[in-house]
C-alpha cells in the first residue's frame, strides 16, 4: 500500500516512540494537551479520507467505464475516478484524441497571420481537465523502465 509522504504509519510510530522526550515542567501539560488535540484531529481526518476513498472506489467499480479508466497505467482508484469525472462518459464529446487534448489545453495553439506563425500555450482550456490529464501524464512516465516517456 502506498502512503502519502511515502512513510508507513508503523515507521512514523516507531520514530515517535524512540524520539527524545519533550518539554518538562509546567509547560509540559500544555504541550501534551495540544499534542493530544492535534492527534485527535489527524485521526478524524484520516478516518474521513478513508471513508471518501472507499466511497470513490465503490462508485468507480459500479460505473460502466470504471474498468477502462482503472486499467490505465498507474491510474489508481482516485486518479481513475478523477479522469472519469473530468472526461465523462459521453463518447461523442471527444470524437478524436486531439479534441480531448485541445479542450484540456495540453495541445499547443497555433496562430498564423501572413508569414508569421506562432505556436503558443493554450490558455483557453478546462483547467480541471488539464490538471487531471497532466497529473496522469506526469505519473505514467514512471512506467517506462528507462525513465523516459511511456509509449
N, C-alpha and C. Protein backbone atom coordinates (compact mmCIF):
# COMPACT_ATOMS: atom_id res chain seq x y z
N UNK A 1 0.85 -1.18 0.00
CA UNK A 1 0.00 0.00 0.00
C UNK A 1 0.89 1.23 0.00
N UNK A 2 0.52 2.23 -0.78
CA UNK A 2 1.31 3.46 -0.79
C UNK A 2 0.71 4.46 0.17
N UNK A 3 1.57 5.25 0.78
CA UNK A 3 1.15 6.22 1.77
C UNK A 3 1.52 7.61 1.30
N UNK A 4 0.70 8.58 1.67
CA UNK A 4 1.04 9.97 1.39
C UNK A 4 2.34 10.28 2.12
N UNK A 5 3.28 10.84 1.44
CA UNK A 5 4.56 11.13 2.06
C UNK A 5 5.51 9.95 1.98
N UNK A 6 5.02 8.77 1.59
CA UNK A 6 5.85 7.60 1.40
C UNK A 6 6.32 6.90 2.65
N UNK A 7 5.80 7.24 3.82
CA UNK A 7 6.24 6.60 5.05
C UNK A 7 5.06 5.88 5.69
N UNK A 8 5.28 4.62 6.02
CA UNK A 8 4.22 3.81 6.64
C UNK A 8 3.94 4.31 8.06
N UNK A 9 2.70 4.18 8.53
CA UNK A 9 2.37 4.62 9.89
C UNK A 9 3.19 3.92 10.96
N UNK A 10 3.54 2.65 10.74
CA UNK A 10 4.33 1.92 11.73
C UNK A 10 5.71 2.56 11.90
N UNK A 11 6.30 3.00 10.80
CA UNK A 11 7.61 3.65 10.86
C UNK A 11 7.51 4.97 11.60
N UNK A 12 6.47 5.73 11.30
CA UNK A 12 6.28 7.00 11.99
C UNK A 12 6.08 6.80 13.49
N UNK A 13 5.30 5.78 13.85
CA UNK A 13 5.06 5.49 15.27
C UNK A 13 6.37 5.13 15.96
N UNK A 14 7.18 4.31 15.31
CA UNK A 14 8.47 3.92 15.89
C UNK A 14 9.35 5.14 16.09
N UNK A 15 9.38 6.02 15.11
CA UNK A 15 10.18 7.24 15.24
C UNK A 15 9.70 8.10 16.41
N UNK A 16 8.39 8.18 16.57
CA UNK A 16 7.85 8.98 17.67
C UNK A 16 8.19 8.38 19.03
N UNK A 17 8.06 7.07 19.14
CA UNK A 17 8.32 6.44 20.45
C UNK A 17 9.81 6.45 20.80
N UNK A 18 10.68 6.47 19.79
CA UNK A 18 12.12 6.47 20.06
C UNK A 18 12.70 7.88 20.13
N UNK A 19 11.91 8.88 19.85
CA UNK A 19 12.40 10.27 19.88
C UNK A 19 12.66 10.71 21.31
N UNK A 20 13.54 11.69 21.48
CA UNK A 20 13.79 12.21 22.83
C UNK A 20 12.51 12.78 23.43
N UNK A 21 12.40 12.70 24.72
CA UNK A 21 11.22 13.21 25.41
C UNK A 21 11.14 14.72 25.27
N UNK A 22 9.94 15.23 25.35
CA UNK A 22 9.68 16.64 25.13
C UNK A 22 9.91 17.51 26.35
N UNK A 23 9.20 18.59 26.38
CA UNK A 23 9.33 19.61 27.42
C UNK A 23 8.92 19.03 28.78
N UNK A 24 9.65 19.44 29.79
CA UNK A 24 9.32 19.04 31.16
C UNK A 24 8.90 20.29 31.94
N UNK A 25 8.31 20.08 33.06
CA UNK A 25 7.94 21.21 33.90
C UNK A 25 6.51 21.67 33.65
N UNK A 26 6.26 22.95 33.95
CA UNK A 26 4.89 23.47 33.90
C UNK A 26 4.34 23.55 32.48
N UNK A 27 5.19 23.69 31.49
CA UNK A 27 4.70 23.78 30.11
C UNK A 27 4.39 22.42 29.50
N UNK A 28 4.85 21.36 30.11
CA UNK A 28 4.65 20.02 29.56
C UNK A 28 3.17 19.68 29.45
N UNK A 29 2.37 20.04 30.45
CA UNK A 29 0.94 19.72 30.42
C UNK A 29 0.24 20.45 29.28
N UNK A 30 0.62 21.70 29.05
CA UNK A 30 0.02 22.47 27.95
C UNK A 30 0.38 21.83 26.61
N UNK A 31 1.64 21.47 26.44
CA UNK A 31 2.06 20.84 25.19
C UNK A 31 1.38 19.49 24.99
N UNK A 32 1.20 18.75 26.07
CA UNK A 32 0.56 17.44 25.98
C UNK A 32 -0.89 17.57 25.53
N UNK A 33 -1.60 18.55 26.07
CA UNK A 33 -2.99 18.77 25.68
C UNK A 33 -3.07 19.15 24.20
N UNK A 34 -2.20 20.04 23.79
CA UNK A 34 -2.17 20.46 22.38
C UNK A 34 -1.85 19.29 21.47
N UNK A 35 -0.88 18.49 21.85
CA UNK A 35 -0.49 17.34 21.04
C UNK A 35 -1.63 16.33 20.94
N UNK A 36 -2.33 16.07 22.05
CA UNK A 36 -3.46 15.15 22.02
C UNK A 36 -4.58 15.69 21.14
N UNK A 37 -4.82 16.99 21.20
CA UNK A 37 -5.86 17.59 20.36
C UNK A 37 -5.51 17.47 18.88
N UNK A 38 -4.27 17.76 18.53
CA UNK A 38 -3.85 17.65 17.13
C UNK A 38 -3.87 16.20 16.65
N UNK A 39 -3.49 15.28 17.51
CA UNK A 39 -3.53 13.86 17.16
C UNK A 39 -4.97 13.42 16.91
N UNK A 40 -5.90 13.91 17.73
CA UNK A 40 -7.32 13.60 17.52
C UNK A 40 -7.83 14.13 16.20
N UNK A 41 -7.41 15.34 15.84
CA UNK A 41 -7.81 15.92 14.56
C UNK A 41 -7.27 15.08 13.40
N UNK A 42 -6.01 14.66 13.50
CA UNK A 42 -5.42 13.84 12.43
C UNK A 42 -6.12 12.49 12.31
N UNK A 43 -6.48 11.88 13.44
CA UNK A 43 -7.21 10.61 13.38
C UNK A 43 -8.56 10.78 12.69
N UNK A 44 -9.26 11.87 13.03
CA UNK A 44 -10.55 12.14 12.41
C UNK A 44 -10.40 12.38 10.91
N UNK A 45 -9.40 13.17 10.54
CA UNK A 45 -9.15 13.43 9.11
C UNK A 45 -8.82 12.14 8.36
N UNK A 46 -7.97 11.32 8.94
CA UNK A 46 -7.62 10.06 8.29
C UNK A 46 -8.82 9.15 8.13
N UNK A 47 -9.70 9.11 9.12
CA UNK A 47 -10.91 8.29 9.02
C UNK A 47 -11.81 8.81 7.91
N UNK A 48 -11.94 10.13 7.79
CA UNK A 48 -12.78 10.71 6.73
C UNK A 48 -12.16 10.48 5.35
N UNK A 49 -10.84 10.59 5.26
CA UNK A 49 -10.16 10.32 3.98
C UNK A 49 -10.39 8.88 3.56
N UNK A 50 -10.29 7.96 4.50
CA UNK A 50 -10.52 6.55 4.20
C UNK A 50 -11.96 6.30 3.78
N UNK A 51 -12.91 6.95 4.44
CA UNK A 51 -14.32 6.80 4.08
C UNK A 51 -14.58 7.32 2.66
N UNK A 52 -13.98 8.47 2.34
CA UNK A 52 -14.14 9.02 0.99
C UNK A 52 -13.49 8.11 -0.06
N UNK A 53 -12.31 7.60 0.24
CA UNK A 53 -11.62 6.71 -0.71
C UNK A 53 -12.43 5.45 -0.95
N UNK A 54 -13.04 4.91 0.10
CA UNK A 54 -13.89 3.73 -0.05
C UNK A 54 -15.11 4.04 -0.91
N UNK A 55 -15.74 5.17 -0.68
CA UNK A 55 -16.90 5.58 -1.46
C UNK A 55 -16.53 5.78 -2.93
N UNK A 56 -15.39 6.42 -3.17
CA UNK A 56 -14.93 6.63 -4.54
C UNK A 56 -14.67 5.31 -5.23
N UNK A 57 -14.04 4.36 -4.53
CA UNK A 57 -13.76 3.05 -5.11
C UNK A 57 -15.04 2.30 -5.45
N UNK A 58 -16.04 2.39 -4.58
CA UNK A 58 -17.32 1.72 -4.84
C UNK A 58 -18.01 2.32 -6.06
N UNK A 59 -18.03 3.64 -6.13
CA UNK A 59 -18.69 4.31 -7.26
C UNK A 59 -17.95 4.06 -8.57
N UNK A 60 -16.62 4.03 -8.53
CA UNK A 60 -15.84 3.74 -9.73
C UNK A 60 -16.10 2.31 -10.21
N UNK A 61 -16.16 1.36 -9.28
CA UNK A 61 -16.41 -0.04 -9.64
C UNK A 61 -17.80 -0.22 -10.23
N UNK A 62 -18.75 0.60 -9.79
CA UNK A 62 -20.13 0.47 -10.28
C UNK A 62 -20.33 1.14 -11.64
N UNK A 63 -19.44 2.03 -12.02
CA UNK A 63 -19.60 2.76 -13.29
C UNK A 63 -19.22 1.86 -14.47
N UNK A 64 -19.97 1.92 -15.58
CA UNK A 64 -19.66 1.08 -16.74
C UNK A 64 -18.25 1.30 -17.31
N UNK A 65 -17.72 2.51 -17.23
CA UNK A 65 -16.39 2.79 -17.75
C UNK A 65 -15.31 2.71 -16.68
N UNK A 66 -15.67 2.30 -15.48
CA UNK A 66 -14.71 2.24 -14.38
C UNK A 66 -13.54 1.33 -14.67
N UNK A 67 -13.80 0.17 -15.25
CA UNK A 67 -12.71 -0.77 -15.55
C UNK A 67 -11.76 -0.19 -16.59
N UNK A 68 -12.28 0.55 -17.55
CA UNK A 68 -11.45 1.16 -18.58
C UNK A 68 -10.47 2.17 -17.97
N UNK A 69 -10.98 3.06 -17.13
CA UNK A 69 -10.11 4.07 -16.52
C UNK A 69 -9.18 3.46 -15.47
N UNK A 70 -9.63 2.40 -14.81
CA UNK A 70 -8.79 1.73 -13.81
C UNK A 70 -7.65 0.96 -14.46
N UNK A 71 -7.80 0.60 -15.73
CA UNK A 71 -6.77 -0.18 -16.43
C UNK A 71 -5.62 0.70 -16.94
N UNK A 72 -5.77 2.00 -16.87
CA UNK A 72 -4.69 2.89 -17.32
C UNK A 72 -3.48 2.73 -16.41
N UNK A 73 -2.26 2.84 -16.96
CA UNK A 73 -1.08 2.63 -16.13
C UNK A 73 -0.97 3.63 -14.99
N UNK A 74 -0.74 3.10 -13.80
CA UNK A 74 -0.57 3.90 -12.56
C UNK A 74 -1.75 4.83 -12.30
N UNK A 75 -2.93 4.40 -12.73
CA UNK A 75 -4.09 5.28 -12.54
C UNK A 75 -4.55 5.30 -11.09
N UNK A 76 -4.55 4.17 -10.42
CA UNK A 76 -5.04 4.14 -9.05
C UNK A 76 -6.53 4.43 -9.01
N UNK A 77 -7.13 4.24 -7.89
CA UNK A 77 -8.57 4.42 -7.77
C UNK A 77 -8.98 5.88 -7.86
N UNK A 78 -8.35 6.73 -7.08
CA UNK A 78 -8.75 8.14 -7.05
C UNK A 78 -8.43 8.83 -8.36
N UNK A 79 -7.24 8.56 -8.94
CA UNK A 79 -6.88 9.18 -10.21
C UNK A 79 -7.82 8.70 -11.33
N UNK A 80 -8.13 7.41 -11.36
CA UNK A 80 -9.04 6.89 -12.38
C UNK A 80 -10.42 7.53 -12.25
N UNK A 81 -10.89 7.67 -11.01
CA UNK A 81 -12.20 8.30 -10.79
C UNK A 81 -12.17 9.77 -11.21
N UNK A 82 -11.07 10.45 -10.94
CA UNK A 82 -10.96 11.86 -11.33
C UNK A 82 -10.95 12.00 -12.85
N UNK A 83 -10.20 11.14 -13.54
CA UNK A 83 -10.19 11.19 -15.00
C UNK A 83 -11.58 10.91 -15.56
N UNK A 84 -12.26 9.92 -15.01
CA UNK A 84 -13.62 9.61 -15.44
C UNK A 84 -14.56 10.78 -15.21
N UNK A 85 -14.44 11.42 -14.06
CA UNK A 85 -15.31 12.55 -13.75
C UNK A 85 -15.04 13.73 -14.68
N UNK A 86 -13.78 13.99 -14.99
CA UNK A 86 -13.44 15.13 -15.84
C UNK A 86 -13.71 14.87 -17.31
N UNK A 87 -13.37 13.67 -17.79
CA UNK A 87 -13.60 13.35 -19.20
C UNK A 87 -15.06 13.02 -19.45
N UNK A 88 -15.68 12.34 -18.52
CA UNK A 88 -17.09 11.99 -18.65
C UNK A 88 -17.27 10.72 -19.46
N UNK A 89 -18.51 10.32 -19.60
CA UNK A 89 -18.78 9.10 -20.35
C UNK A 89 -19.56 9.37 -21.63
N UNK A 90 -19.67 10.62 -22.04
CA UNK A 90 -20.32 10.97 -23.31
C UNK A 90 -19.26 10.87 -24.41
N UNK A 91 -19.21 9.73 -25.07
CA UNK A 91 -18.15 9.46 -26.04
C UNK A 91 -18.15 10.44 -27.22
N UNK A 92 -19.29 10.98 -27.58
CA UNK A 92 -19.38 11.92 -28.69
C UNK A 92 -18.74 13.27 -28.39
N UNK A 93 -18.50 13.54 -27.14
CA UNK A 93 -17.92 14.83 -26.75
C UNK A 93 -16.48 14.97 -27.27
N UNK A 94 -15.77 13.86 -27.36
CA UNK A 94 -14.40 13.87 -27.85
C UNK A 94 -14.26 12.84 -28.97
N UNK A 95 -14.58 13.23 -30.20
CA UNK A 95 -14.51 12.26 -31.31
C UNK A 95 -13.08 11.84 -31.65
N UNK A 96 -12.10 12.68 -31.33
CA UNK A 96 -10.69 12.35 -31.60
C UNK A 96 -9.86 12.65 -30.36
N UNK A 97 -8.69 12.03 -30.26
CA UNK A 97 -7.79 12.37 -29.14
C UNK A 97 -7.39 13.85 -29.15
N UNK A 98 -7.27 14.43 -30.35
CA UNK A 98 -6.90 15.84 -30.44
C UNK A 98 -7.97 16.76 -29.85
N UNK A 99 -9.23 16.36 -29.97
CA UNK A 99 -10.29 17.20 -29.40
C UNK A 99 -10.22 17.19 -27.87
N UNK A 100 -9.89 16.04 -27.29
CA UNK A 100 -9.70 15.97 -25.83
C UNK A 100 -8.50 16.80 -25.41
N UNK A 101 -7.39 16.67 -26.14
CA UNK A 101 -6.18 17.43 -25.81
C UNK A 101 -6.42 18.93 -25.97
N UNK A 102 -7.20 19.31 -26.97
CA UNK A 102 -7.49 20.73 -27.18
C UNK A 102 -8.32 21.32 -26.05
N UNK A 103 -9.37 20.62 -25.64
CA UNK A 103 -10.21 21.13 -24.55
C UNK A 103 -9.44 21.17 -23.24
N UNK A 104 -8.56 20.19 -23.04
CA UNK A 104 -7.77 20.16 -21.81
C UNK A 104 -6.65 21.19 -21.83
N UNK A 105 -6.33 21.72 -23.00
CA UNK A 105 -5.27 22.72 -23.10
C UNK A 105 -3.88 22.12 -23.08
N UNK A 106 -3.76 20.83 -23.35
CA UNK A 106 -2.44 20.21 -23.38
C UNK A 106 -1.87 20.18 -24.79
N UNK A 107 -2.64 20.63 -25.78
CA UNK A 107 -2.15 20.77 -27.15
C UNK A 107 -1.82 22.24 -27.38
N UNK A 108 -0.73 22.52 -28.08
CA UNK A 108 -0.39 23.92 -28.32
C UNK A 108 -1.39 24.59 -29.26
N UNK A 109 -1.45 25.89 -29.17
CA UNK A 109 -2.33 26.67 -30.03
C UNK A 109 -1.47 27.35 -31.09
N UNK A 110 -1.84 27.18 -32.35
CA UNK A 110 -1.08 27.77 -33.45
C UNK A 110 -1.83 28.99 -33.97
N UNK A 111 -1.12 30.10 -34.06
CA UNK A 111 -1.67 31.34 -34.60
C UNK A 111 -0.84 31.71 -35.83
N UNK A 112 -1.52 32.03 -36.92
CA UNK A 112 -0.81 32.39 -38.12
C UNK A 112 -1.46 33.61 -38.74
N UNK A 113 -0.61 34.55 -39.13
CA UNK A 113 -1.06 35.75 -39.81
C UNK A 113 -0.02 36.09 -40.86
N UNK A 114 -0.38 35.91 -42.10
CA UNK A 114 0.58 36.15 -43.18
C UNK A 114 1.72 35.16 -43.09
N UNK A 115 2.92 35.66 -43.01
CA UNK A 115 4.10 34.78 -42.93
C UNK A 115 4.52 34.49 -41.50
N UNK A 116 3.86 35.09 -40.54
CA UNK A 116 4.21 34.89 -39.14
C UNK A 116 3.37 33.76 -38.56
N UNK A 117 4.05 32.79 -38.02
CA UNK A 117 3.37 31.64 -37.40
C UNK A 117 3.90 31.50 -35.98
N UNK A 118 3.01 31.43 -35.02
CA UNK A 118 3.41 31.31 -33.62
C UNK A 118 2.68 30.14 -32.99
N UNK A 119 3.44 29.34 -32.28
CA UNK A 119 2.87 28.24 -31.52
C UNK A 119 2.97 28.64 -30.05
N UNK A 120 1.81 28.77 -29.40
CA UNK A 120 1.77 29.29 -28.04
C UNK A 120 1.01 28.36 -27.11
N UNK A 121 1.12 28.64 -25.83
CA UNK A 121 0.40 27.90 -24.79
C UNK A 121 -1.09 28.17 -24.95
N UNK A 122 -1.89 27.13 -24.81
CA UNK A 122 -3.35 27.26 -24.93
C UNK A 122 -3.93 27.68 -23.58
N UNK A 123 -4.29 28.95 -23.48
CA UNK A 123 -4.84 29.47 -22.22
C UNK A 123 -6.31 29.11 -22.05
N UNK A 124 -7.07 29.11 -23.12
CA UNK A 124 -8.50 28.80 -23.04
C UNK A 124 -8.69 27.30 -22.93
N UNK A 125 -8.87 26.81 -21.73
CA UNK A 125 -8.98 25.37 -21.53
C UNK A 125 -9.78 25.08 -20.27
N UNK A 126 -10.24 23.86 -20.17
CA UNK A 126 -10.89 23.37 -18.95
C UNK A 126 -9.76 23.06 -17.96
N UNK A 127 -9.58 23.89 -16.98
CA UNK A 127 -8.42 23.77 -16.08
C UNK A 127 -8.46 22.51 -15.23
N UNK A 128 -9.65 22.09 -14.81
CA UNK A 128 -9.75 20.86 -14.03
C UNK A 128 -9.34 19.65 -14.88
N UNK A 129 -9.80 19.64 -16.13
CA UNK A 129 -9.45 18.56 -17.05
C UNK A 129 -7.95 18.59 -17.34
N UNK A 130 -7.39 19.77 -17.55
CA UNK A 130 -5.95 19.90 -17.78
C UNK A 130 -5.17 19.35 -16.60
N UNK A 131 -5.57 19.72 -15.41
CA UNK A 131 -4.87 19.26 -14.22
C UNK A 131 -4.94 17.74 -14.08
N UNK A 132 -6.10 17.17 -14.35
CA UNK A 132 -6.26 15.71 -14.24
C UNK A 132 -5.39 14.99 -15.27
N UNK A 133 -5.37 15.48 -16.51
CA UNK A 133 -4.57 14.83 -17.54
C UNK A 133 -3.07 15.01 -17.28
N UNK A 134 -2.67 16.19 -16.85
CA UNK A 134 -1.25 16.43 -16.56
C UNK A 134 -0.78 15.61 -15.37
N UNK A 135 -1.63 15.45 -14.36
CA UNK A 135 -1.31 14.62 -13.21
C UNK A 135 -1.11 13.17 -13.66
N UNK A 136 -2.02 12.68 -14.49
CA UNK A 136 -1.92 11.32 -15.00
C UNK A 136 -0.66 11.16 -15.86
N UNK A 137 -0.42 12.09 -16.77
CA UNK A 137 0.74 12.00 -17.66
C UNK A 137 2.05 12.08 -16.88
N UNK A 138 2.12 12.92 -15.88
CA UNK A 138 3.35 13.06 -15.10
C UNK A 138 3.69 11.77 -14.37
N UNK A 139 2.68 11.05 -13.91
CA UNK A 139 2.95 9.82 -13.16
C UNK A 139 3.18 8.62 -14.07
N UNK A 140 2.57 8.60 -15.26
CA UNK A 140 2.72 7.43 -16.13
C UNK A 140 4.12 7.34 -16.72
N UNK A 141 4.89 8.41 -16.69
CA UNK A 141 6.25 8.33 -17.22
C UNK A 141 7.10 7.38 -16.38
N UNK A 142 6.67 7.08 -15.16
CA UNK A 142 7.40 6.16 -14.30
C UNK A 142 7.22 4.71 -14.73
N UNK A 143 6.27 4.43 -15.61
CA UNK A 143 6.02 3.07 -16.07
C UNK A 143 7.15 2.59 -16.96
N UNK A 144 7.74 3.51 -17.72
CA UNK A 144 8.83 3.16 -18.63
C UNK A 144 10.08 2.84 -17.80
N UNK A 145 10.68 1.66 -17.97
CA UNK A 145 11.85 1.30 -17.17
C UNK A 145 13.06 2.19 -17.43
N UNK A 146 13.09 2.87 -18.56
CA UNK A 146 14.20 3.76 -18.87
C UNK A 146 14.00 5.15 -18.31
N UNK A 147 12.85 5.40 -17.70
CA UNK A 147 12.58 6.70 -17.08
C UNK A 147 12.09 7.76 -18.05
N UNK A 148 11.97 7.39 -19.31
CA UNK A 148 11.50 8.33 -20.33
C UNK A 148 10.01 8.26 -20.46
N UNK A 149 9.47 8.92 -21.46
CA UNK A 149 8.01 8.91 -21.66
C UNK A 149 7.52 7.50 -22.00
N UNK A 150 6.38 7.15 -21.46
CA UNK A 150 5.77 5.85 -21.75
C UNK A 150 5.18 5.89 -23.15
N UNK A 151 5.38 4.84 -23.90
CA UNK A 151 4.84 4.80 -25.27
C UNK A 151 3.53 4.11 -25.31
